[in-house]
Amino acid sequence: MLFSEDTSPEARAVLIQSYRAMPPERRLAIALDASDAMRALVRADIATRHPEATEEERQVLFLQRCFGDAVAEDIVRWRRSGGGPPA
């Protein structure tokens, strides 16, 4: 969901227009900042819900939350095998 349900149509239109007027690099910077903030929130939530978890366990929980169990398992397996780039 891009907008809160309590955002008025007028406010939504102004925001959309302001994003369209921005240079692409500014829009990208905003998106990257939002992504960084979301990752930080997810990590904080995991730390709160699993205070006993080691850092490695928290990383696995983060991967599971963001990418699902199957992808998380693949990433963990890849990291444990040495994690080098594909040949």
C-alpha atoms as a PDB file:
ATOM      1  CA  MET A   1       0.000   0.000   0.000  1.00  0.00           C
ATOM      2  CA  LEU A   2       1.584   3.264  -1.133  1.00  0.00           C
ATOM      3  CA  PHE A   3      -0.670   5.587   0.839  1.00  0.00           C
ATOM      4  CA  SER A   4      -2.389   5.437   4.176  1.00  0.00           C
ATOM      5  CA  GLU A   5      -6.123   4.950   3.947  1.00  0.00           C
ATOM      6  CA  ASP A   6      -6.587   8.271   5.727  1.00  0.00           C
ATOM      7  CA  THR A   7      -4.729  10.213   3.011  1.00  0.00           C
ATOM      8  CA  SER A   8      -7.137  12.456   1.171  1.00  0.00           C
ATOM      9  CA  PRO A   9      -7.327  12.190  -2.621  1.00  0.00           C
ATOM     10  CA  GLU A  10      -6.135  15.796  -2.871  1.00  0.00           C
ATOM     11  CA  ALA A  11      -3.078  15.163  -0.697  1.00  0.00           C
ATOM     12  CA  ARG A  12      -2.353  11.974  -2.632  1.00  0.00           C
ATOM     13  CA  ALA A  13      -2.467  13.893  -5.943  1.00  0.00           C
ATOM     14  CA  VAL A  14      -0.074  16.553  -4.627  1.00  0.00           C
ATOM     15  CA  LEU A  15       2.364  13.920  -3.395  1.00  0.00           C
ATOM     16  CA  ILE A  16       2.269  11.988  -6.666  1.00  0.00           C
ATOM     17  CA  GLN A  17       2.852  15.166  -8.646  1.00  0.00           C
ATOM     18  CA  SER A  18       5.799  16.117  -6.436  1.00  0.00           C
ATOM     19  CA  TYR A  19       7.393  12.697  -6.978  1.00  0.00           C
ATOM     20  CA  ARG A  20       6.876  12.970 -10.734  1.00  0.00           C
ATOM     21  CA  ALA A  21       8.594  16.364 -10.735  1.00  0.00           C
ATOM     22  CA  MET A  22      11.681  15.023  -8.944  1.00  0.00           C
ATOM     23  CA  PRO A  23      14.788  13.979 -10.813  1.00  0.00           C
ATOM     24  CA  PRO A  24      15.167  10.185 -10.995  1.00  0.00           C
ATOM     25  CA  GLU A  25      18.201  10.186  -8.703  1.00  0.00           C
ATOM     26  CA  ARG A  26      16.183  11.939  -5.967  1.00  0.00           C
ATOM     27  CA  ARG A  27      13.354   9.397  -6.281  1.00  0.00           C
ATOM     28  CA  LEU A  28      15.928   6.614  -6.056  1.00  0.00           C
ATOM     29  CA  ALA A  29      17.490   8.186  -2.954  1.00  0.00           C
ATOM     30  CA  ILE A  30      14.065   8.369  -1.283  1.00  0.00           C
ATOM     31  CA  ALA A  31      13.354   4.726  -2.139  1.00  0.00           C
ATOM     32  CA  LEU A  32      16.743   3.591  -0.820  1.00  0.00           C
ATOM     33  CA  ASP A  33      16.252   5.562   2.410  1.00  0.00           C
ATOM     34  CA  ALA A  34      12.827   3.963   2.872  1.00  0.00           C
ATOM     35  CA  SER A  35      14.326   0.523   2.243  1.00  0.00           C
ATOM     36  CA  ASP A  36      17.091   1.157   4.799  1.00  0.00           C
ATOM     37  CA  ALA A  37      14.513   2.305   7.348  1.00  0.00           C
ATOM     38  CA  MET A  38      12.349  -0.761   6.768  1.00  0.00           C
ATOM     39  CA  ARG A  39      15.306  -3.124   7.176  1.00  0.00           C
ATOM     40  CA  ALA A  40      16.219  -1.377  10.439  1.00  0.00           C
ATOM     41  CA  LEU A  41      12.638  -1.746  11.703  1.00  0.00           C
ATOM     42  CA  VAL A  42      12.572  -5.450  10.813  1.00  0.00           C
ATOM     43  CA  ARG A  43      15.906  -6.027  12.561  1.00  0.00           C
ATOM     44  CA  ALA A  44      14.702  -4.155  15.668  1.00  0.00           C
ATOM     45  CA  ASP A  45      11.501  -6.206  15.738  1.00  0.00           C
ATOM     46  CA  ILE A  46      13.469  -9.447  15.469  1.00  0.00           C
ATOM     47  CA  ALA A  47      15.777  -8.357  18.310  1.00  0.00           C
ATOM     48  CA  THR A  48      12.747  -7.539  20.469  1.00  0.00           C
ATOM     49  CA  ARG A  49      10.935 -10.782  19.727  1.00  0.00           C
ATOM     50  CA  HIS A  50      14.047 -12.978  19.986  1.00  0.00           C
ATOM     51  CA  PRO A  51      16.355 -11.417  22.607  1.00  0.00           C
ATOM     52  CA  GLU A  52      18.030 -14.787  23.212  1.00  0.00           C
ATOM     53  CA  ALA A  53      18.976 -15.265  19.545  1.00  0.00           C
ATOM     54  CA  THR A  54      22.583 -15.028  18.439  1.00  0.00           C
ATOM     55  CA  GLU A  55      23.515 -12.563  15.707  1.00  0.00           C
ATOM     56  CA  GLU A  56      23.652 -15.421  13.188  1.00  0.00           C
ATOM     57  CA  GLU A  57      20.183 -16.600  14.228  1.00  0.00           C
ATOM     58  CA  ARG A  58      18.882 -13.050  13.883  1.00  0.00           C
ATOM     59  CA  GLN A  59      20.333 -12.844  10.391  1.00  0.00           C
ATOM     60  CA  VAL A  60      18.528 -16.054   9.432  1.00  0.00           C
ATOM     61  CA  LEU A  61      15.266 -14.721  10.905  1.00  0.00           C
ATOM     62  CA  PHE A  62      15.760 -11.521   8.904  1.00  0.00           C
ATOM     63  CA  LEU A  63      16.269 -13.474   5.689  1.00  0.00           C
ATOM     64  CA  GLN A  64      13.203 -15.602   6.408  1.00  0.00           C
ATOM     65  CA  ARG A  65      11.063 -12.529   7.083  1.00  0.00           C
ATOM     66  CA  CYS A  66      12.223 -10.695   3.959  1.00  0.00           C
ATOM     67  CA  PHE A  67      12.584 -13.498   1.429  1.00  0.00           C
ATOM     68  CA  GLY A  68      10.754 -16.547   2.778  1.00  0.00           C
ATOM     69  CA  ASP A  69      12.062 -19.818   4.155  1.00  0.00           C
ATOM     70  CA  ALA A  70      13.225 -21.399   0.883  1.00  0.00           C
ATOM     71  CA  VAL A  71      15.336 -18.431  -0.223  1.00  0.00           C
ATOM     72  CA  ALA A  72      16.688 -17.968   3.315  1.00  0.00           C
ATOM     73  CA  GLU A  73      17.789 -21.615   3.369  1.00  0.00           C
ATOM     74  CA  ASP A  74      19.541 -21.189   0.010  1.00  0.00           C
ATOM     75  CA  ILE A  75      21.371 -18.074   1.235  1.00  0.00           C
ATOM     76  CA  VAL A  76      22.454 -19.746   4.485  1.00  0.00           C
ATOM     77  CA  ARG A  77      23.675 -22.814   2.580  1.00  0.00           C
ATOM     78  CA  TRP A  78      25.565 -20.574   0.142  1.00  0.00           C
ATOM     79  CA  ARG A  79      27.179 -18.585   2.975  1.00  0.00           C
ATOM     80  CA  ARG A  80      28.234 -21.748   4.806  1.00  0.00           C
ATOM     81  CA  SER A  81      29.794 -23.172   1.634  1.00  0.00           C
ATOM     82  CA  GLY A  82      32.120 -20.197   1.334  1.00  0.00           C
ATOM     83  CA  GLY A  83      29.772 -17.760  -0.328  1.00  0.00           C
ATOM     84  CA  GLY A  84      31.915 -17.036  -3.344  1.00  0.00           C
ATOM     85  CA  PRO A  85      30.611 -15.655  -6.592  1.00  0.00           C
ATOM     86  CA  PRO A  86      29.207 -18.127  -9.110  1.00  0.00           C
ATOM     87  CA  ALA A  87      31.830 -19.748 -11.333  1.00  0.00           C
END
